[in-house]
Amino acid sequence: MDLSLYDLFNSMGAFAKGIVLVLAIMSVYSLTVMLQKWWGLKQAQNETLKFAPEFSQFLEEDNLAEAIRLAEGYKKSHVAKVLGGALGEIRPLIQDGSVTVADINSAERAVEREMLMTIVQLKRGLGVLATVGATAPFVGLLGTTMGIVNAFTGMAKSGSGGIASIAAGVAEALITTAFGLLVAIPAVWAYNYFQTKIDNLTAEMTYSSKEMIDYLIKGVSGEFGRSRFTREFNTQAGGNNPMSQ
């Protein structure tokens, strides 16, 4: 008996058709999440590739004001979000030249807070992929189980036996399991891929934030706990401090 997928769907019972529709919705939802996540991570990486060298250059030049402005300009970069949050924590303190070790500790805590929030944003949608990957095969198996039950029930009612009498019913039943696997496999692959990418992005955020904190620590001198940069900043910038505008 040669049946196309369309013919099989038309020959399915209401329960099996419902299973196929549920799997189709799960597939569309997971594919949408995959595309959104891929595009979001791609934008974050592209902006970070531009942001990181410029930010490091500003730190080397002790130009913290431009570093702050740069971090605020990159909205998609995960590294810029984390460093921008820490810089925003100490930005008011730079104006009066009173950055101390305690202030650096505040900046470090700000880094941790921003990193937690950024990681949560990066992982948004992964739960959908994990759920689809874990449950789609079982949803398909449910349709298969009920399909086989219906096939044997029909055989019992007709009073005829043999493979030929239940072949169409078994084929109808097994198609839901195959569909469930087709939905689950890409979701599992995508989940593992994005999880690895997010781990790499987390490492980038950690490395960059440690680099900035190290810069702040190295700039702190023993004189009243002030940093060398803040003294020079207030001396050279004077009333032209761009952050006071």
C-alpha atoms as a PDB file:
ATOM      1  CA  MET A   1       0.000   0.000   0.000  1.00  0.00           C
ATOM      2  CA  ASP A   2       1.647   3.198  -1.220  1.00  0.00           C
ATOM      3  CA  LEU A   3       0.564   6.246   0.741  1.00  0.00           C
ATOM      4  CA  SER A   4       2.039   9.740   0.660  1.00  0.00           C
ATOM      5  CA  LEU A   5       2.470  11.769   3.817  1.00  0.00           C
ATOM      6  CA  TYR A   6      -0.564  13.800   2.808  1.00  0.00           C
ATOM      7  CA  ASP A   7      -2.629  10.638   2.409  1.00  0.00           C
ATOM      8  CA  LEU A   8      -1.388   9.351   5.756  1.00  0.00           C
ATOM      9  CA  PHE A   9      -2.370  12.593   7.459  1.00  0.00           C
ATOM     10  CA  ASN A  10      -5.832  12.488   5.900  1.00  0.00           C
ATOM     11  CA  SER A  11      -6.270   8.877   7.004  1.00  0.00           C
ATOM     12  CA  MET A  12      -5.291   9.652  10.599  1.00  0.00           C
ATOM     13  CA  GLY A  13      -7.820   9.842  13.357  1.00  0.00           C
ATOM     14  CA  ALA A  14      -8.599  13.027  15.240  1.00  0.00           C
ATOM     15  CA  PHE A  15      -6.200  12.197  18.088  1.00  0.00           C
ATOM     16  CA  ALA A  16      -3.258  11.518  15.748  1.00  0.00           C
ATOM     17  CA  LYS A  17      -3.949  14.707  13.797  1.00  0.00           C
ATOM     18  CA  GLY A  18      -3.964  16.614  17.076  1.00  0.00           C
ATOM     19  CA  ILE A  19      -0.548  15.141  17.951  1.00  0.00           C
ATOM     20  CA  VAL A  20       0.845  16.180  14.563  1.00  0.00           C
ATOM     21  CA  LEU A  21      -0.478  19.718  14.988  1.00  0.00           C
ATOM     22  CA  VAL A  22       1.031  19.971  18.473  1.00  0.00           C
ATOM     23  CA  LEU A  23       4.395  18.821  17.107  1.00  0.00           C
ATOM     24  CA  ALA A  24       4.121  21.314  14.249  1.00  0.00           C
ATOM     25  CA  ILE A  25       3.545  24.159  16.730  1.00  0.00           C
ATOM     26  CA  MET A  26       6.511  22.986  18.814  1.00  0.00           C
ATOM     27  CA  SER A  27       8.671  22.864  15.698  1.00  0.00           C
ATOM     28  CA  VAL A  28       7.740  26.384  14.550  1.00  0.00           C
ATOM     29  CA  TYR A  29       8.255  27.767  18.069  1.00  0.00           C
ATOM     30  CA  SER A  30      11.668  26.142  18.476  1.00  0.00           C
ATOM     31  CA  LEU A  31      12.815  27.256  15.011  1.00  0.00           C
ATOM     32  CA  THR A  32      11.751  30.824  15.816  1.00  0.00           C
ATOM     33  CA  VAL A  33      13.751  30.738  19.045  1.00  0.00           C
ATOM     34  CA  MET A  34      16.759  29.313  17.189  1.00  0.00           C
ATOM     35  CA  LEU A  35      16.749  32.118  14.617  1.00  0.00           C
ATOM     36  CA  GLN A  36      16.263  34.845  17.222  1.00  0.00           C
ATOM     37  CA  LYS A  37      18.982  33.421  19.446  1.00  0.00           C
ATOM     38  CA  TRP A  38      21.415  32.990  16.567  1.00  0.00           C
ATOM     39  CA  TRP A  39      20.838  36.548  15.361  1.00  0.00           C
ATOM     40  CA  GLY A  40      21.138  37.994  18.866  1.00  0.00           C
ATOM     41  CA  LEU A  41      24.409  36.198  19.613  1.00  0.00           C
ATOM     42  CA  LYS A  42      25.797  37.160  16.221  1.00  0.00           C
ATOM     43  CA  GLN A  43      25.052  40.843  16.876  1.00  0.00           C
ATOM     44  CA  ALA A  44      26.592  40.603  20.342  1.00  0.00           C
ATOM     45  CA  GLN A  45      29.780  39.066  18.986  1.00  0.00           C
ATOM     46  CA  ASN A  46      30.097  41.530  16.102  1.00  0.00           C
ATOM     47  CA  GLU A  47      29.701  44.534  18.405  1.00  0.00           C
ATOM     48  CA  THR A  48      32.107  43.070  20.954  1.00  0.00           C
ATOM     49  CA  LEU A  49      34.779  42.606  18.282  1.00  0.00           C
ATOM     50  CA  LYS A  50      34.547  46.344  17.620  1.00  0.00           C
ATOM     51  CA  PHE A  51      34.144  47.392  21.238  1.00  0.00           C
ATOM     52  CA  ALA A  52      36.897  45.413  22.987  1.00  0.00           C
ATOM     53  CA  PRO A  53      39.974  46.860  21.182  1.00  0.00           C
ATOM     54  CA  GLU A  54      38.727  50.443  21.522  1.00  0.00           C
ATOM     55  CA  PHE A  55      37.869  49.961  25.177  1.00  0.00           C
ATOM     56  CA  SER A  56      41.302  48.483  25.956  1.00  0.00           C
ATOM     57  CA  GLN A  57      42.941  51.374  24.133  1.00  0.00           C
ATOM     58  CA  PHE A  58      41.048  53.933  26.224  1.00  0.00           C
ATOM     59  CA  LEU A  59      42.099  52.143  29.411  1.00  0.00           C
ATOM     60  CA  GLU A  60      45.721  52.163  28.323  1.00  0.00           C
ATOM     61  CA  GLU A  61      45.428  55.892  27.678  1.00  0.00           C
ATOM     62  CA  ASP A  62      43.755  56.503  31.065  1.00  0.00           C
ATOM     63  CA  ASN A  63      40.802  57.945  29.162  1.00  0.00           C
ATOM     64  CA  LEU A  64      38.004  56.613  31.323  1.00  0.00           C
ATOM     65  CA  ALA A  65      35.506  59.242  30.152  1.00  0.00           C
ATOM     66  CA  GLU A  66      35.723  57.986  26.568  1.00  0.00           C
ATOM     67  CA  ALA A  67      35.598  54.399  27.807  1.00  0.00           C
ATOM     68  CA  ILE A  68      32.287  55.161  29.518  1.00  0.00           C
ATOM     69  CA  ARG A  69      30.909  56.837  26.409  1.00  0.00           C
ATOM     70  CA  LEU A  70      32.041  53.902  24.278  1.00  0.00           C
ATOM     71  CA  ALA A  71      30.374  51.331  26.548  1.00  0.00           C
ATOM     72  CA  GLU A  72      27.113  53.273  26.442  1.00  0.00           C
ATOM     73  CA  GLY A  73      27.188  53.289  22.635  1.00  0.00           C
ATOM     74  CA  TYR A  74      27.242  49.524  22.167  1.00  0.00           C
ATOM     75  CA  LYS A  75      23.802  48.293  23.194  1.00  0.00           C
ATOM     76  CA  LYS A  76      24.063  44.752  21.831  1.00  0.00           C
ATOM     77  CA  SER A  77      27.535  43.839  23.082  1.00  0.00           C
ATOM     78  CA  HIS A  78      27.473  41.600  26.157  1.00  0.00           C
ATOM     79  CA  VAL A  79      30.881  42.859  27.254  1.00  0.00           C
ATOM     80  CA  ALA A  80      29.836  46.502  26.877  1.00  0.00           C
ATOM     81  CA  LYS A  81      26.739  45.896  29.017  1.00  0.00           C
ATOM     82  CA  VAL A  82      28.803  44.445  31.858  1.00  0.00           C
ATOM     83  CA  LEU A  83      31.597  47.015  31.756  1.00  0.00           C
ATOM     84  CA  GLY A  84      29.149  49.858  31.201  1.00  0.00           C
ATOM     85  CA  GLY A  85      27.310  48.892  34.380  1.00  0.00           C
ATOM     86  CA  ALA A  86      30.505  48.906  36.413  1.00  0.00           C
ATOM     87  CA  LEU A  87      31.652  52.204  34.955  1.00  0.00           C
ATOM     88  CA  GLY A  88      28.254  53.697  35.633  1.00  0.00           C
ATOM     89  CA  GLU A  89      28.696  52.704  39.280  1.00  0.00           C
ATOM     90  CA  ILE A  90      31.860  54.803  39.678  1.00  0.00           C
ATOM     91  CA  ARG A  91      31.024  57.533  37.186  1.00  0.00           C
ATOM     92  CA  PRO A  92      29.673  60.010  39.798  1.00  0.00           C
ATOM     93  CA  LEU A  93      32.742  59.391  41.956  1.00  0.00           C
ATOM     94  CA  ILE A  94      35.162  60.394  39.204  1.00  0.00           C
ATOM     95  CA  GLN A  95      33.796  63.906  39.208  1.00  0.00           C
ATOM     96  CA  ASP A  96      34.965  64.626  42.781  1.00  0.00           C
ATOM     97  CA  GLY A  97      38.190  62.622  42.522  1.00  0.00           C
ATOM     98  CA  SER A  98      37.440  60.359  45.449  1.00  0.00           C
ATOM     99  CA  VAL A  99      37.680  56.865  43.982  1.00  0.00           C
ATOM    100  CA  THR A 100      38.855  54.576  46.771  1.00  0.00           C
ATOM    101  CA  VAL A 101      39.347  50.864  47.261  1.00  0.00           C
ATOM    102  CA  ALA A 102      35.792  50.672  48.589  1.00  0.00           C
ATOM    103  CA  ASP A 103      34.551  52.274  45.378  1.00  0.00           C
ATOM    104  CA  ILE A 104      36.437  49.704  43.340  1.00  0.00           C
ATOM    105  CA  ASN A 105      34.741  47.001  45.381  1.00  0.00           C
ATOM    106  CA  SER A 106      31.424  48.618  44.481  1.00  0.00           C
ATOM    107  CA  ALA A 107      32.421  48.520  40.827  1.00  0.00           C
ATOM    108  CA  GLU A 108      33.298  44.850  41.166  1.00  0.00           C
ATOM    109  CA  ARG A 109      29.896  44.096  42.666  1.00  0.00           C
ATOM    110  CA  ALA A 110      28.285  46.063  39.838  1.00  0.00           C
ATOM    111  CA  VAL A 111      30.156  43.872  37.372  1.00  0.00           C
ATOM    112  CA  GLU A 112      28.771  40.764  39.040  1.00  0.00           C
ATOM    113  CA  ARG A 113      25.224  42.122  38.982  1.00  0.00           C
ATOM    114  CA  GLU A 114      25.403  43.148  35.339  1.00  0.00           C
ATOM    115  CA  MET A 115      26.968  39.822  34.397  1.00  0.00           C
ATOM    116  CA  LEU A 116      24.175  37.874  36.081  1.00  0.00           C
ATOM    117  CA  MET A 117      21.514  39.903  34.282  1.00  0.00           C
ATOM    118  CA  THR A 118      23.323  39.618  30.943  1.00  0.00           C
ATOM    119  CA  ILE A 119      23.687  35.847  31.283  1.00  0.00           C
ATOM    120  CA  VAL A 120      19.976  35.579  32.052  1.00  0.00           C
ATOM    121  CA  GLN A 121      19.220  37.530  28.881  1.00  0.00           C
ATOM    122  CA  LEU A 122      21.586  35.393  26.820  1.00  0.00           C
ATOM    123  CA  LYS A 123      19.979  32.188  28.102  1.00  0.00           C
ATOM    124  CA  ARG A 124      16.455  33.399  27.428  1.00  0.00           C
ATOM    125  CA  GLY A 125      14.782  30.902  25.096  1.00  0.00           C
ATOM    126  CA  LEU A 126      17.086  27.976  25.865  1.00  0.00           C
ATOM    127  CA  GLY A 127      14.408  26.536  28.137  1.00  0.00           C
ATOM    128  CA  VAL A 128      12.089  26.297  25.132  1.00  0.00           C
ATOM    129  CA  LEU A 129      14.685  24.348  23.142  1.00  0.00           C
ATOM    130  CA  ALA A 130      15.396  22.049  26.084  1.00  0.00           C
ATOM    131  CA  THR A 131      11.684  21.394  26.616  1.00  0.00           C
ATOM    132  CA  VAL A 132      11.010  20.715  22.938  1.00  0.00           C
ATOM    133  CA  GLY A 133      14.034  18.450  22.649  1.00  0.00           C
ATOM    134  CA  ALA A 134      13.038  16.459  25.725  1.00  0.00           C
ATOM    135  CA  THR A 135       9.289  16.170  25.170  1.00  0.00           C
ATOM    136  CA  ALA A 136       8.775  16.008  21.384  1.00  0.00           C
ATOM    137  CA  PRO A 137       9.746  12.302  21.130  1.00  0.00           C
ATOM    138  CA  PHE A 138       7.311  11.446  23.934  1.00  0.00           C
ATOM    139  CA  VAL A 139       4.529  13.436  22.280  1.00  0.00           C
ATOM    140  CA  GLY A 140       5.161  11.496  19.082  1.00  0.00           C
ATOM    141  CA  LEU A 141       5.298   8.235  21.006  1.00  0.00           C
ATOM    142  CA  LEU A 142       1.919   9.029  22.533  1.00  0.00           C
ATOM    143  CA  GLY A 143       0.459   9.312  19.050  1.00  0.00           C
ATOM    144  CA  THR A 144       2.150   6.049  18.051  1.00  0.00           C
ATOM    145  CA  THR A 145       0.797   4.199  21.063  1.00  0.00           C
ATOM    146  CA  MET A 146      -2.757   5.341  20.455  1.00  0.00           C
ATOM    147  CA  GLY A 147      -2.421   4.619  16.739  1.00  0.00           C
ATOM    148  CA  ILE A 148      -1.335   1.032  17.365  1.00  0.00           C
ATOM    149  CA  VAL A 149      -4.175   0.578  19.836  1.00  0.00           C
ATOM    150  CA  ASN A 150      -6.626   1.804  17.203  1.00  0.00           C
ATOM    151  CA  ALA A 151      -5.081  -0.478  14.579  1.00  0.00           C
ATOM    152  CA  PHE A 152      -5.486  -3.579  16.728  1.00  0.00           C
ATOM    153  CA  THR A 153      -8.952  -2.490  17.787  1.00  0.00           C
ATOM    154  CA  GLY A 154      -9.966  -2.188  14.129  1.00  0.00           C
ATOM    155  CA  MET A 155      -8.484  -5.599  13.396  1.00  0.00           C
ATOM    156  CA  ALA A 156     -10.461  -7.120  16.275  1.00  0.00           C
ATOM    157  CA  LYS A 157     -13.692  -5.546  15.034  1.00  0.00           C
ATOM    158  CA  SER A 158     -13.168  -6.716  11.456  1.00  0.00           C
ATOM    159  CA  GLY A 159     -12.243 -10.217  12.566  1.00  0.00           C
ATOM    160  CA  SER A 160      -9.364 -10.414  10.085  1.00  0.00           C
ATOM    161  CA  GLY A 161      -5.724 -10.804  11.041  1.00  0.00           C
ATOM    162  CA  GLY A 162      -2.333 -10.578   9.409  1.00  0.00           C
ATOM    163  CA  ILE A 163       0.084  -7.792   8.618  1.00  0.00           C
ATOM    164  CA  ALA A 164      -1.852  -6.545   5.615  1.00  0.00           C
ATOM    165  CA  SER A 165      -4.889  -5.693   7.683  1.00  0.00           C
ATOM    166  CA  ILE A 166      -2.991  -3.514  10.147  1.00  0.00           C
ATOM    167  CA  ALA A 167      -0.183  -2.158   7.921  1.00  0.00           C
ATOM    168  CA  ALA A 168      -1.907   1.141   7.245  1.00  0.00           C
ATOM    169  CA  GLY A 169      -2.754   1.612  10.924  1.00  0.00           C
ATOM    170  CA  VAL A 170       0.810   0.909  12.045  1.00  0.00           C
ATOM    171  CA  ALA A 171       2.228   3.250   9.397  1.00  0.00           C
ATOM    172  CA  GLU A 172      -0.160   5.955  10.580  1.00  0.00           C
ATOM    173  CA  ALA A 173       0.960   5.350  14.155  1.00  0.00           C
ATOM    174  CA  LEU A 174       4.698   5.356  13.507  1.00  0.00           C
ATOM    175  CA  ILE A 175       4.642   8.592  11.536  1.00  0.00           C
ATOM    176  CA  THR A 176       3.984  10.568  14.717  1.00  0.00           C
ATOM    177  CA  THR A 177       7.113   9.154  16.370  1.00  0.00           C
ATOM    178  CA  ALA A 178       9.180   9.996  13.296  1.00  0.00           C
ATOM    179  CA  PHE A 179       7.764  13.525  13.312  1.00  0.00           C
ATOM    180  CA  GLY A 180       8.527  13.848  17.011  1.00  0.00           C
ATOM    181  CA  LEU A 181      12.159  12.894  16.415  1.00  0.00           C
ATOM    182  CA  LEU A 182      12.428  15.365  13.532  1.00  0.00           C
ATOM    183  CA  VAL A 183      11.248  18.109  15.864  1.00  0.00           C
ATOM    184  CA  ALA A 184      13.429  17.068  18.814  1.00  0.00           C
ATOM    185  CA  ILE A 185      16.799  16.490  17.125  1.00  0.00           C
ATOM    186  CA  PRO A 186      17.337  20.062  15.811  1.00  0.00           C
ATOM    187  CA  ALA A 187      16.162  21.475  19.143  1.00  0.00           C
ATOM    188  CA  VAL A 188      18.714  19.400  21.076  1.00  0.00           C
ATOM    189  CA  TRP A 189      21.505  20.302  18.655  1.00  0.00           C
ATOM    190  CA  ALA A 190      20.632  23.997  18.858  1.00  0.00           C
ATOM    191  CA  TYR A 191      20.416  23.893  22.666  1.00  0.00           C
ATOM    192  CA  ASN A 192      23.894  22.377  22.992  1.00  0.00           C
ATOM    193  CA  TYR A 193      25.308  24.798  20.423  1.00  0.00           C
ATOM    194  CA  PHE A 194      23.875  27.893  22.095  1.00  0.00           C
ATOM    195  CA  GLN A 195      24.870  26.647  25.541  1.00  0.00           C
ATOM    196  CA  THR A 196      28.482  26.357  24.385  1.00  0.00           C
ATOM    197  CA  LYS A 197      28.354  29.805  22.754  1.00  0.00           C
ATOM    198  CA  ILE A 198      26.975  31.367  25.937  1.00  0.00           C
ATOM    199  CA  ASP A 199      29.713  29.720  27.984  1.00  0.00           C
ATOM    200  CA  ASN A 200      32.264  31.316  25.658  1.00  0.00           C
ATOM    201  CA  LEU A 201      30.566  34.710  25.937  1.00  0.00           C
ATOM    202  CA  THR A 202      30.550  34.367  29.723  1.00  0.00           C
ATOM    203  CA  ALA A 203      34.296  33.750  29.633  1.00  0.00           C
ATOM    204  CA  GLU A 204      34.724  36.897  27.523  1.00  0.00           C
ATOM    205  CA  MET A 205      32.704  38.965  30.001  1.00  0.00           C
ATOM    206  CA  THR A 206      34.671  37.586  32.935  1.00  0.00           C
ATOM    207  CA  TYR A 207      38.034  38.249  31.283  1.00  0.00           C
ATOM    208  CA  SER A 208      37.122  41.796  30.216  1.00  0.00           C
ATOM    209  CA  SER A 209      35.662  42.722  33.599  1.00  0.00           C
ATOM    210  CA  LYS A 210      38.731  41.392  35.405  1.00  0.00           C
ATOM    211  CA  GLU A 211      40.899  43.449  33.077  1.00  0.00           C
ATOM    212  CA  MET A 212      38.972  46.604  33.945  1.00  0.00           C
ATOM    213  CA  ILE A 213      39.025  45.903  37.692  1.00  0.00           C
ATOM    214  CA  ASP A 214      42.768  45.264  37.494  1.00  0.00           C
ATOM    215  CA  TYR A 215      43.150  48.627  35.774  1.00  0.00           C
ATOM    216  CA  LEU A 216      41.259  50.356  38.570  1.00  0.00           C
ATOM    217  CA  ILE A 217      43.234  48.544  41.273  1.00  0.00           C
ATOM    218  CA  LYS A 218      46.573  49.439  39.692  1.00  0.00           C
ATOM    219  CA  GLY A 219      45.502  53.088  39.531  1.00  0.00           C
ATOM    220  CA  VAL A 220      44.862  53.366  43.265  1.00  0.00           C
ATOM    221  CA  SER A 221      47.724  54.958  45.219  1.00  0.00           C
ATOM    222  CA  GLY A 222      48.244  55.309  48.919  1.00  0.00           C
ATOM    223  CA  GLU A 223      47.601  59.064  49.026  1.00  0.00           C
ATOM    224  CA  PHE A 224      44.154  59.411  50.567  1.00  0.00           C
ATOM    225  CA  GLY A 225      43.140  56.290  48.686  1.00  0.00           C
ATOM    226  CA  ARG A 226      42.739  58.252  45.444  1.00  0.00           C
ATOM    227  CA  SER A 227      43.610  56.869  42.052  1.00  0.00           C
ATOM    228  CA  ARG A 228      46.285  58.485  39.928  1.00  0.00           C
ATOM    229  CA  PHE A 229      43.848  58.821  37.047  1.00  0.00           C
ATOM    230  CA  THR A 230      41.184  60.723  38.990  1.00  0.00           C
ATOM    231  CA  ARG A 231      43.730  63.255  40.198  1.00  0.00           C
ATOM    232  CA  GLU A 232      44.986  63.848  36.655  1.00  0.00           C
ATOM    233  CA  PHE A 233      41.464  63.844  35.298  1.00  0.00           C
ATOM    234  CA  ASN A 234      40.293  66.624  37.602  1.00  0.00           C
ATOM    235  CA  THR A 235      43.524  68.601  37.151  1.00  0.00           C
ATOM    236  CA  GLN A 236      43.632  68.459  33.362  1.00  0.00           C
ATOM    237  CA  ALA A 237      39.916  68.509  32.555  1.00  0.00           C
ATOM    238  CA  GLY A 238      38.993  71.196  35.060  1.00  0.00           C
ATOM    239  CA  GLY A 239      35.632  72.677  34.193  1.00  0.00           C
ATOM    240  CA  ASN A 240      35.522  70.896  30.826  1.00  0.00           C
ATOM    241  CA  ASN A 241      34.628  67.560  32.341  1.00  0.00           C
ATOM    242  CA  PRO A 242      32.290  66.036  29.730  1.00  0.00           C
ATOM    243  CA  MET A 243      30.568  63.932  32.363  1.00  0.00           C
ATOM    244  CA  SER A 244      29.466  66.963  34.336  1.00  0.00           C
ATOM    245  CA  GLN A 245      27.444  68.256  31.416  1.00  0.00           C
END
